[in-house]
Amino acid sequence: SYILLEGEVELLQPAPDGGEESVGMLRPPDILGAEELI
């Protein structure tokens, strides 16, 4: 899990065409990886 202190992170997930698509942006103080932990 990661807590954003500064900057910006783009979340990606597999796209139907085989690439990746954006599903949102995280900004401080967002948490990354909460769902995987649960």
PDB file of all heavy atoms in Angstrom:
ATOM      1  N   SER A   1       0.846  -1.186   0.000  1.00  0.00           N
ATOM      2  CA  SER A   1       0.000   0.000   0.000  1.00  0.00           C
ATOM      3  C   SER A   1       0.885   1.241   0.000  1.00  0.00           C
ATOM      4  O   SER A   1       1.981   1.243   0.576  1.00  0.00           O
ATOM      5  CB  SER A   1      -0.921   0.001   1.223  1.00  0.00           C
ATOM      6  OG  SER A   1      -1.844  -1.054   1.147  1.00  0.00           O
ATOM      7  N   TYR A   2       0.413   2.283  -0.650  1.00  0.00           N
ATOM      8  CA  TYR A   2       1.188   3.513  -0.796  1.00  0.00           C
ATOM      9  C   TYR A   2       0.305   4.707  -0.460  1.00  0.00           C
ATOM     10  O   TYR A   2      -0.848   4.771  -0.875  1.00  0.00           O
ATOM     11  CB  TYR A   2       1.708   3.664  -2.228  1.00  0.00           C
ATOM     12  CG  TYR A   2       2.553   2.501  -2.702  1.00  0.00           C
ATOM     13  CD1 TYR A   2       1.950   1.373  -3.255  1.00  0.00           C
ATOM     14  CD2 TYR A   2       3.940   2.524  -2.593  1.00  0.00           C
ATOM     15  CE1 TYR A   2       2.715   0.300  -3.687  1.00  0.00           C
ATOM     16  CE2 TYR A   2       4.710   1.456  -3.030  1.00  0.00           C
ATOM     17  CZ  TYR A   2       4.089   0.344  -3.580  1.00  0.00           C
ATOM     18  OH  TYR A   2       4.844  -0.717  -4.006  1.00  0.00           O
ATOM     19  N   ILE A   3       0.864   5.631   0.268  1.00  0.00           N
ATOM     20  CA  ILE A   3       0.181   6.893   0.575  1.00  0.00           C
ATOM     21  C   ILE A   3       0.886   7.996  -0.203  1.00  0.00           C
ATOM     22  O   ILE A   3       2.099   8.178  -0.069  1.00  0.00           O
ATOM     23  CB  ILE A   3       0.221   7.188   2.084  1.00  0.00           C
ATOM     24  CG1 ILE A   3      -0.438   6.053   2.867  1.00  0.00           C
ATOM     25  CG2 ILE A   3      -0.475   8.517   2.393  1.00  0.00           C
ATOM     26  CD1 ILE A   3      -0.322   6.201   4.375  1.00  0.00           C
ATOM     27  N   LEU A   4       0.126   8.702  -1.024  1.00  0.00           N
ATOM     28  CA  LEU A   4       0.719   9.765  -1.833  1.00  0.00           C
ATOM     29  C   LEU A   4       0.979  10.992  -0.973  1.00  0.00           C
ATOM     30  O   LEU A   4       0.067  11.494  -0.306  1.00  0.00           O
ATOM     31  CB  LEU A   4      -0.201  10.136  -2.995  1.00  0.00           C
ATOM     32  CG  LEU A   4       0.018   9.346  -4.302  1.00  0.00           C
ATOM     33  CD1 LEU A   4      -0.393   7.903  -4.140  1.00  0.00           C
ATOM     34  CD2 LEU A   4      -0.734  10.008  -5.433  1.00  0.00           C
ATOM     35  N   LEU A   5       2.218  11.455  -1.004  1.00  0.00           N
ATOM     36  CA  LEU A   5       2.590  12.663  -0.282  1.00  0.00           C
ATOM     37  C   LEU A   5       2.609  13.875  -1.199  1.00  0.00           C
ATOM     38  O   LEU A   5       2.253  14.980  -0.801  1.00  0.00           O
ATOM     39  CB  LEU A   5       3.959  12.480   0.383  1.00  0.00           C
ATOM     40  CG  LEU A   5       4.062  11.324   1.380  1.00  0.00           C
ATOM     41  CD1 LEU A   5       5.470  11.269   1.973  1.00  0.00           C
ATOM     42  CD2 LEU A   5       3.028  11.454   2.485  1.00  0.00           C
ATOM     43  N   GLU A   6       3.034  13.679  -2.436  1.00  0.00           N
ATOM     44  CA  GLU A   6       3.007  14.749  -3.432  1.00  0.00           C
ATOM     45  C   GLU A   6       3.064  14.119  -4.811  1.00  0.00           C
ATOM     46  O   GLU A   6       3.525  12.987  -4.977  1.00  0.00           O
ATOM     47  CB  GLU A   6       4.176  15.714  -3.235  1.00  0.00           C
ATOM     48  CG  GLU A   6       5.549  15.089  -3.342  1.00  0.00           C
ATOM     49  CD  GLU A   6       6.663  16.100  -3.123  1.00  0.00           C
ATOM     50  OE1 GLU A   6       6.351  17.284  -2.927  1.00  0.00           O
ATOM     51  OE2 GLU A   6       7.842  15.706  -3.151  1.00  0.00           O
ATOM     52  N   GLY A   7       2.555  14.842  -5.799  1.00  0.00           N
ATOM     53  CA  GLY A   7       2.562  14.344  -7.165  1.00  0.00           C
ATOM     54  C   GLY A   7       1.209  13.813  -7.590  1.00  0.00           C
ATOM     55  O   GLY A   7       0.176  14.153  -7.012  1.00  0.00           O
ATOM     56  N   GLU A   8       1.229  12.946  -8.604  1.00  0.00           N
ATOM     57  CA  GLU A   8      -0.002  12.430  -9.184  1.00  0.00           C
ATOM     58  C   GLU A   8       0.269  11.054  -9.771  1.00  0.00           C
ATOM     59  O   GLU A   8       1.308  10.819 -10.391  1.00  0.00           O
ATOM     60  CB  GLU A   8      -0.491  13.383 -10.286  1.00  0.00           C
ATOM     61  CG  GLU A   8      -1.897  13.128 -10.765  1.00  0.00           C
ATOM     62  CD  GLU A   8      -2.349  14.224 -11.731  1.00  0.00           C
ATOM     63  OE1 GLU A   8      -1.813  14.239 -12.854  1.00  0.00           O
ATOM     64  OE2 GLU A   8      -3.218  15.034 -11.377  1.00  0.00           O
ATOM     65  N   VAL A   9      -0.680  10.130  -9.572  1.00  0.00           N
ATOM     66  CA  VAL A   9      -0.537   8.755 -10.052  1.00  0.00           C
ATOM     67  C   VAL A   9      -1.780   8.381 -10.851  1.00  0.00           C
ATOM     68  O   VAL A   9      -2.909   8.624 -10.412  1.00  0.00           O
ATOM     69  CB  VAL A   9      -0.352   7.764  -8.878  1.00  0.00           C
ATOM     70  CG1 VAL A   9      -0.381   6.322  -9.375  1.00  0.00           C
ATOM     71  CG2 VAL A   9       0.955   8.040  -8.150  1.00  0.00           C
ATOM     72  N   GLU A  10      -1.573   7.786 -12.008  1.00  0.00           N
ATOM     73  CA  GLU A  10      -2.675   7.346 -12.853  1.00  0.00           C
ATOM     74  C   GLU A  10      -2.879   5.845 -12.665  1.00  0.00           C
ATOM     75  O   GLU A  10      -1.931   5.061 -12.767  1.00  0.00           O
ATOM     76  CB  GLU A  10      -2.373   7.635 -14.322  1.00  0.00           C
ATOM     77  CG  GLU A  10      -3.494   7.241 -15.267  1.00  0.00           C
ATOM     78  CD  GLU A  10      -3.166   7.548 -16.718  1.00  0.00           C
ATOM     79  OE1 GLU A  10      -1.969   7.702 -17.036  1.00  0.00           O
ATOM     80  OE2 GLU A  10      -4.099   7.631 -17.530  1.00  0.00           O
ATOM     81  N   LEU A  11      -4.118   5.447 -12.392  1.00  0.00           N
ATOM     82  CA  LEU A  11      -4.449   4.029 -12.241  1.00  0.00           C
ATOM     83  C   LEU A  11      -4.785   3.435 -13.599  1.00  0.00           C
ATOM     84  O   LEU A  11      -5.506   4.044 -14.398  1.00  0.00           O
ATOM     85  CB  LEU A  11      -5.638   3.858 -11.293  1.00  0.00           C
ATOM     86  CG  LEU A  11      -5.415   4.214  -9.827  1.00  0.00           C
ATOM     87  CD1 LEU A  11      -6.691   3.963  -9.039  1.00  0.00           C
ATOM     88  CD2 LEU A  11      -4.267   3.431  -9.238  1.00  0.00           C
ATOM     89  N   LEU A  12      -4.299   2.235 -13.843  1.00  0.00           N
ATOM     90  CA  LEU A  12      -4.487   1.567 -15.131  1.00  0.00           C
ATOM     91  C   LEU A  12      -5.040   0.174 -14.913  1.00  0.00           C
ATOM     92  O   LEU A  12      -4.776  -0.467 -13.896  1.00  0.00           O
ATOM     93  CB  LEU A  12      -3.152   1.468 -15.879  1.00  0.00           C
ATOM     94  CG  LEU A  12      -2.414   2.779 -16.128  1.00  0.00           C
ATOM     95  CD1 LEU A  12      -0.991   2.505 -16.589  1.00  0.00           C
ATOM     96  CD2 LEU A  12      -3.153   3.629 -17.151  1.00  0.00           C
ATOM     97  N   GLN A  13      -5.818  -0.286 -15.884  1.00  0.00           N
ATOM     98  CA  GLN A  13      -6.300  -1.660 -15.867  1.00  0.00           C
ATOM     99  C   GLN A  13      -6.296  -2.190 -17.294  1.00  0.00           C
ATOM    100  O   GLN A  13      -6.300  -1.417 -18.251  1.00  0.00           O
ATOM    101  CB  GLN A  13      -7.707  -1.745 -15.270  1.00  0.00           C
ATOM    102  CG  GLN A  13      -8.802  -1.163 -16.128  1.00  0.00           C
ATOM    103  CD  GLN A  13     -10.176  -1.317 -15.496  1.00  0.00           C
ATOM    104  OE1 GLN A  13     -10.302  -1.668 -14.328  1.00  0.00           O
ATOM    105  NE2 GLN A  13     -11.223  -1.080 -16.271  1.00  0.00           N
ATOM    106  N   PRO A  14      -6.248  -3.530 -17.463  1.00  0.00           N
ATOM    107  CA  PRO A  14      -6.214  -4.098 -18.807  1.00  0.00           C
ATOM    108  C   PRO A  14      -7.416  -3.666 -19.649  1.00  0.00           C
ATOM    109  O   PRO A  14      -8.546  -3.647 -19.156  1.00  0.00           O
ATOM    110  CB  PRO A  14      -6.224  -5.611 -18.547  1.00  0.00           C
ATOM    111  CG  PRO A  14      -5.681  -5.761 -17.167  1.00  0.00           C
ATOM    112  CD  PRO A  14      -6.154  -4.560 -16.410  1.00  0.00           C
ATOM    113  N   ALA A  15      -7.155  -3.313 -20.891  1.00  0.00           N
ATOM    114  CA  ALA A  15      -8.208  -2.896 -21.819  1.00  0.00           C
ATOM    115  C   ALA A  15      -8.601  -4.072 -22.711  1.00  0.00           C
ATOM    116  O   ALA A  15      -7.826  -5.016 -22.889  1.00  0.00           O
ATOM    117  CB  ALA A  15      -7.723  -1.723 -22.666  1.00  0.00           C
ATOM    118  N   PRO A  16      -9.798  -4.041 -23.286  1.00  0.00           N
ATOM    119  CA  PRO A  16     -10.234  -5.141 -24.158  1.00  0.00           C
ATOM    120  C   PRO A  16      -9.320  -5.382 -25.357  1.00  0.00           C
ATOM    121  O   PRO A  16      -9.230  -6.506 -25.855  1.00  0.00           O
ATOM    122  CB  PRO A  16     -11.634  -4.685 -24.618  1.00  0.00           C
ATOM    123  CG  PRO A  16     -12.103  -3.754 -23.553  1.00  0.00           C
ATOM    124  CD  PRO A  16     -10.877  -3.055 -23.073  1.00  0.00           C
ATOM    125  N   ASP A  17      -8.631  -4.325 -25.828  1.00  0.00           N
ATOM    126  CA  ASP A  17      -7.765  -4.480 -26.993  1.00  0.00           C
ATOM    127  C   ASP A  17      -6.383  -5.023 -26.635  1.00  0.00           C
ATOM    128  O   ASP A  17      -5.507  -5.135 -27.488  1.00  0.00           O
ATOM    129  CB  ASP A  17      -7.629  -3.147 -27.728  1.00  0.00           C
ATOM    130  CG  ASP A  17      -7.027  -2.058 -26.834  1.00  0.00           C
ATOM    131  OD1 ASP A  17      -6.672  -2.355 -25.676  1.00  0.00           O
ATOM    132  OD2 ASP A  17      -6.923  -0.904 -27.314  1.00  0.00           O
ATOM    133  N   GLY A  18      -6.177  -5.367 -25.369  1.00  0.00           N
ATOM    134  CA  GLY A  18      -4.898  -5.922 -24.960  1.00  0.00           C
ATOM    135  C   GLY A  18      -3.959  -4.917 -24.325  1.00  0.00           C
ATOM    136  O   GLY A  18      -2.950  -5.300 -23.725  1.00  0.00           O
ATOM    137  N   GLY A  19      -4.266  -3.644 -24.444  1.00  0.00           N
ATOM    138  CA  GLY A  19      -3.434  -2.614 -23.837  1.00  0.00           C
ATOM    139  C   GLY A  19      -3.892  -2.285 -22.430  1.00  0.00           C
ATOM    140  O   GLY A  19      -4.403  -3.146 -21.709  1.00  0.00           O
ATOM    141  N   GLU A  20      -3.719  -1.025 -22.034  1.00  0.00           N
ATOM    142  CA  GLU A  20      -4.155  -0.571 -20.728  1.00  0.00           C
ATOM    143  C   GLU A  20      -4.983   0.698 -20.883  1.00  0.00           C
ATOM    144  O   GLU A  20      -4.756   1.478 -21.804  1.00  0.00           O
ATOM    145  CB  GLU A  20      -2.953  -0.288 -19.809  1.00  0.00           C
ATOM    146  CG  GLU A  20      -2.211  -1.534 -19.369  1.00  0.00           C
ATOM    147  CD  GLU A  20      -1.096  -1.208 -18.399  1.00  0.00           C
ATOM    148  OE1 GLU A  20      -0.348  -0.236 -18.673  1.00  0.00           O
ATOM    149  OE2 GLU A  20      -0.949  -1.905 -17.387  1.00  0.00           O
ATOM    150  N   GLU A  21      -5.948   0.869 -19.982  1.00  0.00           N
ATOM    151  CA  GLU A  21      -6.787   2.055 -20.002  1.00  0.00           C
ATOM    152  C   GLU A  21      -6.791   2.696 -18.628  1.00  0.00           C
ATOM    153  O   GLU A  21      -6.659   2.024 -17.606  1.00  0.00           O
ATOM    154  CB  GLU A  21      -8.216   1.711 -20.433  1.00  0.00           C
ATOM    155  CG  GLU A  21      -8.922   0.715 -19.527  1.00  0.00           C
ATOM    156  CD  GLU A  21     -10.307   0.373 -20.028  1.00  0.00           C
ATOM    157  OE1 GLU A  21     -10.699   0.903 -21.085  1.00  0.00           O
ATOM    158  OE2 GLU A  21     -10.997  -0.429 -19.367  1.00  0.00           O
ATOM    159  N   SER A  22      -6.948   4.009 -18.609  1.00  0.00           N
ATOM    160  CA  SER A  22      -6.950   4.760 -17.363  1.00  0.00           C
ATOM    161  C   SER A  22      -8.298   4.642 -16.671  1.00  0.00           C
ATOM    162  O   SER A  22      -9.345   4.696 -17.319  1.00  0.00           O
ATOM    163  CB  SER A  22      -6.631   6.232 -17.638  1.00  0.00           C
ATOM    164  OG  SER A  22      -6.730   6.997 -16.456  1.00  0.00           O
ATOM    165  N   VAL A  23      -8.260   4.467 -15.350  1.00  0.00           N
ATOM    166  CA  VAL A  23      -9.499   4.379 -14.579  1.00  0.00           C
ATOM    167  C   VAL A  23      -9.568   5.455 -13.498  1.00  0.00           C
ATOM    168  O   VAL A  23     -10.469   5.437 -12.665  1.00  0.00           O
ATOM    169  CB  VAL A  23      -9.657   2.981 -13.938  1.00  0.00           C
ATOM    170  CG1 VAL A  23      -9.871   1.925 -14.998  1.00  0.00           C
ATOM    171  CG2 VAL A  23      -8.453   2.636 -13.072  1.00  0.00           C
ATOM    172  N   GLY A  24      -8.631   6.399 -13.508  1.00  0.00           N
ATOM    173  CA  GLY A  24      -8.686   7.484 -12.543  1.00  0.00           C
ATOM    174  C   GLY A  24      -7.312   7.970 -12.129  1.00  0.00           C
ATOM    175  O   GLY A  24      -6.289   7.347 -12.449  1.00  0.00           O
ATOM    176  N   MET A  25      -7.305   9.095 -11.445  1.00  0.00           N
ATOM    177  CA  MET A  25      -6.071   9.709 -10.977  1.00  0.00           C
ATOM    178  C   MET A  25      -6.082   9.786  -9.455  1.00  0.00           C
ATOM    179  O   MET A  25      -7.114  10.065  -8.844  1.00  0.00           O
ATOM    180  CB  MET A  25      -5.920  11.118 -11.554  1.00  0.00           C
ATOM    181  CG  MET A  25      -5.998  11.192 -13.081  1.00  0.00           C
ATOM    182  SD  MET A  25      -4.647  10.340 -13.909  1.00  0.00           S
ATOM    183  CE  MET A  25      -3.254  11.338 -13.379  1.00  0.00           C
ATOM    184  N   LEU A  26      -4.940   9.525  -8.859  1.00  0.00           N
ATOM    185  CA  LEU A  26      -4.781   9.648  -7.419  1.00  0.00           C
ATOM    186  C   LEU A  26      -3.918  10.865  -7.119  1.00  0.00           C
ATOM    187  O   LEU A  26      -2.937  11.127  -7.820  1.00  0.00           O
ATOM    188  CB  LEU A  26      -4.124   8.403  -6.834  1.00  0.00           C
ATOM    189  CG  LEU A  26      -4.922   7.097  -6.924  1.00  0.00           C
ATOM    190  CD1 LEU A  26      -4.115   5.957  -6.317  1.00  0.00           C
ATOM    191  CD2 LEU A  26      -6.265   7.228  -6.234  1.00  0.00           C
ATOM    192  N   ARG A  27      -4.318  11.585  -6.059  1.00  0.00           N
ATOM    193  CA  ARG A  27      -3.588  12.775  -5.638  1.00  0.00           C
ATOM    194  C   ARG A  27      -3.455  12.746  -4.111  1.00  0.00           C
ATOM    195  O   ARG A  27      -4.226  12.077  -3.439  1.00  0.00           O
ATOM    196  CB  ARG A  27      -4.318  14.040  -6.101  1.00  0.00           C
ATOM    197  CG  ARG A  27      -4.484  14.115  -7.626  1.00  0.00           C
ATOM    198  CD  ARG A  27      -5.378  15.269  -8.055  1.00  0.00           C
ATOM    199  NE  ARG A  27      -5.569  15.300  -9.504  1.00  0.00           N
ATOM    200  CZ  ARG A  27      -6.512  14.620 -10.143  1.00  0.00           C
ATOM    201  NH1 ARG A  27      -7.365  13.862  -9.462  1.00  0.00           N
ATOM    202  NH2 ARG A  27      -6.615  14.687 -11.454  1.00  0.00           N
ATOM    203  N   PRO A  28      -2.492  13.455  -3.546  1.00  0.00           N
ATOM    204  CA  PRO A  28      -2.318  13.452  -2.085  1.00  0.00           C
ATOM    205  C   PRO A  28      -3.603  13.853  -1.375  1.00  0.00           C
ATOM    206  O   PRO A  28      -4.295  14.769  -1.837  1.00  0.00           O
ATOM    207  CB  PRO A  28      -1.218  14.492  -1.860  1.00  0.00           C
ATOM    208  CG  PRO A  28      -0.484  14.555  -3.156  1.00  0.00           C
ATOM    209  CD  PRO A  28      -1.516  14.323  -4.218  1.00  0.00           C
ATOM    210  N   PRO A  29      -3.986  13.180  -0.304  1.00  0.00           N
ATOM    211  CA  PRO A  29      -3.295  12.070   0.379  1.00  0.00           C
ATOM    212  C   PRO A  29      -3.949  10.725   0.072  1.00  0.00           C
ATOM    213  O   PRO A  29      -4.246   9.951   0.997  1.00  0.00           O
ATOM    214  CB  PRO A  29      -3.461  12.444   1.839  1.00  0.00           C
ATOM    215  CG  PRO A  29      -4.848  13.059   1.882  1.00  0.00           C
ATOM    216  CD  PRO A  29      -5.063  13.731   0.540  1.00  0.00           C
ATOM    217  N   ASP A  30      -4.218  10.424  -1.186  1.00  0.00           N
ATOM    218  CA  ASP A  30      -4.884   9.180  -1.559  1.00  0.00           C
ATOM    219  C   ASP A  30      -4.029   7.967  -1.211  1.00  0.00           C
ATOM    220  O   ASP A  30      -2.806   8.056  -1.075  1.00  0.00           O
ATOM    221  CB  ASP A  30      -5.201   9.167  -3.057  1.00  0.00           C
ATOM    222  CG  ASP A  30      -6.287  10.165  -3.418  1.00  0.00           C
ATOM    223  OD1 ASP A  30      -6.986  10.616  -2.495  1.00  0.00           O
ATOM    224  OD2 ASP A  30      -6.439  10.492  -4.611  1.00  0.00           O
ATOM    225  N   ILE A  31      -4.723   6.820  -1.097  1.00  0.00           N
ATOM    226  CA  ILE A  31      -4.063   5.554  -0.784  1.00  0.00           C
ATOM    227  C   ILE A  31      -4.152   4.642  -1.989  1.00  0.00           C
ATOM    228  O   ILE A  31      -5.218   4.477  -2.595  1.00  0.00           O
ATOM    229  CB  ILE A  31      -4.707   4.874   0.438  1.00  0.00           C
ATOM    230  CG1 ILE A  31      -4.611   5.773   1.671  1.00  0.00           C
ATOM    231  CG2 ILE A  31      -4.065   3.520   0.712  1.00  0.00           C
ATOM    232  CD1 ILE A  31      -5.314   5.218   2.893  1.00  0.00           C
ATOM    233  N   LEU A  32      -3.063   4.026  -2.328  1.00  0.00           N
ATOM    234  CA  LEU A  32      -2.993   3.091  -3.446  1.00  0.00           C
ATOM    235  C   LEU A  32      -2.784   1.685  -2.895  1.00  0.00           C
ATOM    236  O   LEU A  32      -1.899   1.471  -2.072  1.00  0.00           O
ATOM    237  CB  LEU A  32      -1.829   3.473  -4.361  1.00  0.00           C
ATOM    238  CG  LEU A  32      -1.580   2.600  -5.592  1.00  0.00           C
ATOM    239  CD1 LEU A  32      -2.766   2.646  -6.536  1.00  0.00           C
ATOM    240  CD2 LEU A  32      -0.323   3.057  -6.299  1.00  0.00           C
ATOM    241  N   GLY A  33      -3.636   0.749  -3.325  1.00  0.00           N
ATOM    242  CA  GLY A  33      -3.492  -0.636  -2.882  1.00  0.00           C
ATOM    243  C   GLY A  33      -4.414  -1.040  -1.756  1.00  0.00           C
ATOM    244  O   GLY A  33      -4.233  -2.116  -1.168  1.00  0.00           O
ATOM    245  N   ALA A  34      -5.417  -0.230  -1.441  1.00  0.00           N
ATOM    246  CA  ALA A  34      -6.320  -0.564  -0.326  1.00  0.00           C
ATOM    247  C   ALA A  34      -7.153  -1.805  -0.632  1.00  0.00           C
ATOM    248  O   ALA A  34      -7.306  -2.687   0.206  1.00  0.00           O
ATOM    249  CB  ALA A  34      -7.240   0.623  -0.036  1.00  0.00           C
ATOM    250  N   GLU A  35      -7.651  -1.886  -1.854  1.00  0.00           N
ATOM    251  CA  GLU A  35      -8.515  -3.009  -2.198  1.00  0.00           C
ATOM    252  C   GLU A  35      -7.758  -4.331  -2.176  1.00  0.00           C
ATOM    253  O   GLU A  35      -8.261  -5.353  -1.710  1.00  0.00           O
ATOM    254  CB  GLU A  35      -9.135  -2.794  -3.578  1.00  0.00           C
ATOM    255  CG  GLU A  35     -10.117  -3.882  -3.967  1.00  0.00           C
ATOM    256  CD  GLU A  35     -10.805  -3.603  -5.285  1.00  0.00           C
ATOM    257  OE1 GLU A  35     -10.724  -2.457  -5.771  1.00  0.00           O
ATOM    258  OE2 GLU A  35     -11.409  -4.536  -5.823  1.00  0.00           O
ATOM    259  N   GLU A  36      -6.526  -4.327  -2.672  1.00  0.00           N
ATOM    260  CA  GLU A  36      -5.725  -5.544  -2.677  1.00  0.00           C
ATOM    261  C   GLU A  36      -5.471  -6.044  -1.256  1.00  0.00           C
ATOM    262  O   GLU A  36      -5.428  -7.243  -1.000  1.00  0.00           O
ATOM    263  CB  GLU A  36      -4.394  -5.299  -3.388  1.00  0.00           C
ATOM    264  CG  GLU A  36      -4.521  -5.154  -4.886  1.00  0.00           C
ATOM    265  CD  GLU A  36      -5.073  -3.797  -5.311  1.00  0.00           C
ATOM    266  OE1 GLU A  36      -5.150  -2.882  -4.468  1.00  0.00           O
ATOM    267  OE2 GLU A  36      -5.437  -3.636  -6.470  1.00  0.00           O
ATOM    268  N   LEU A  37      -5.322  -5.117  -0.326  1.00  0.00           N
ATOM    269  CA  LEU A  37      -5.112  -5.496   1.065  1.00  0.00           C
ATOM    270  C   LEU A  37      -6.355  -6.160   1.643  1.00  0.00           C
ATOM    271  O   LEU A  37      -6.267  -7.159   2.359  1.00  0.00           O
ATOM    272  CB  LEU A  37      -4.748  -4.263   1.901  1.00  0.00           C
ATOM    273  CG  LEU A  37      -4.650  -4.495   3.409  1.00  0.00           C
ATOM    274  CD1 LEU A  37      -3.404  -5.303   3.733  1.00  0.00           C
ATOM    275  CD2 LEU A  37      -4.649  -3.178   4.158  1.00  0.00           C
ATOM    276  N   ILE A  38      -7.530  -5.647   1.315  1.00  0.00           N
ATOM    277  CA  ILE A  38      -8.773  -6.156   1.877  1.00  0.00           C
ATOM    278  C   ILE A  38      -9.108  -7.528   1.317  1.00  0.00           C
ATOM    279  O   ILE A  38      -9.439  -8.464   2.045  1.00  0.00           O
ATOM    280  CB  ILE A  38      -9.927  -5.160   1.625  1.00  0.00           C
ATOM    281  CG1 ILE A  38      -9.674  -3.851   2.386  1.00  0.00           C
ATOM    282  CG2 ILE A  38     -11.257  -5.769   2.030  1.00  0.00           C
ATOM    283  CD1 ILE A  38      -9.579  -4.001   3.871  1.00  0.00           C
TER     284      ILE A  38
END
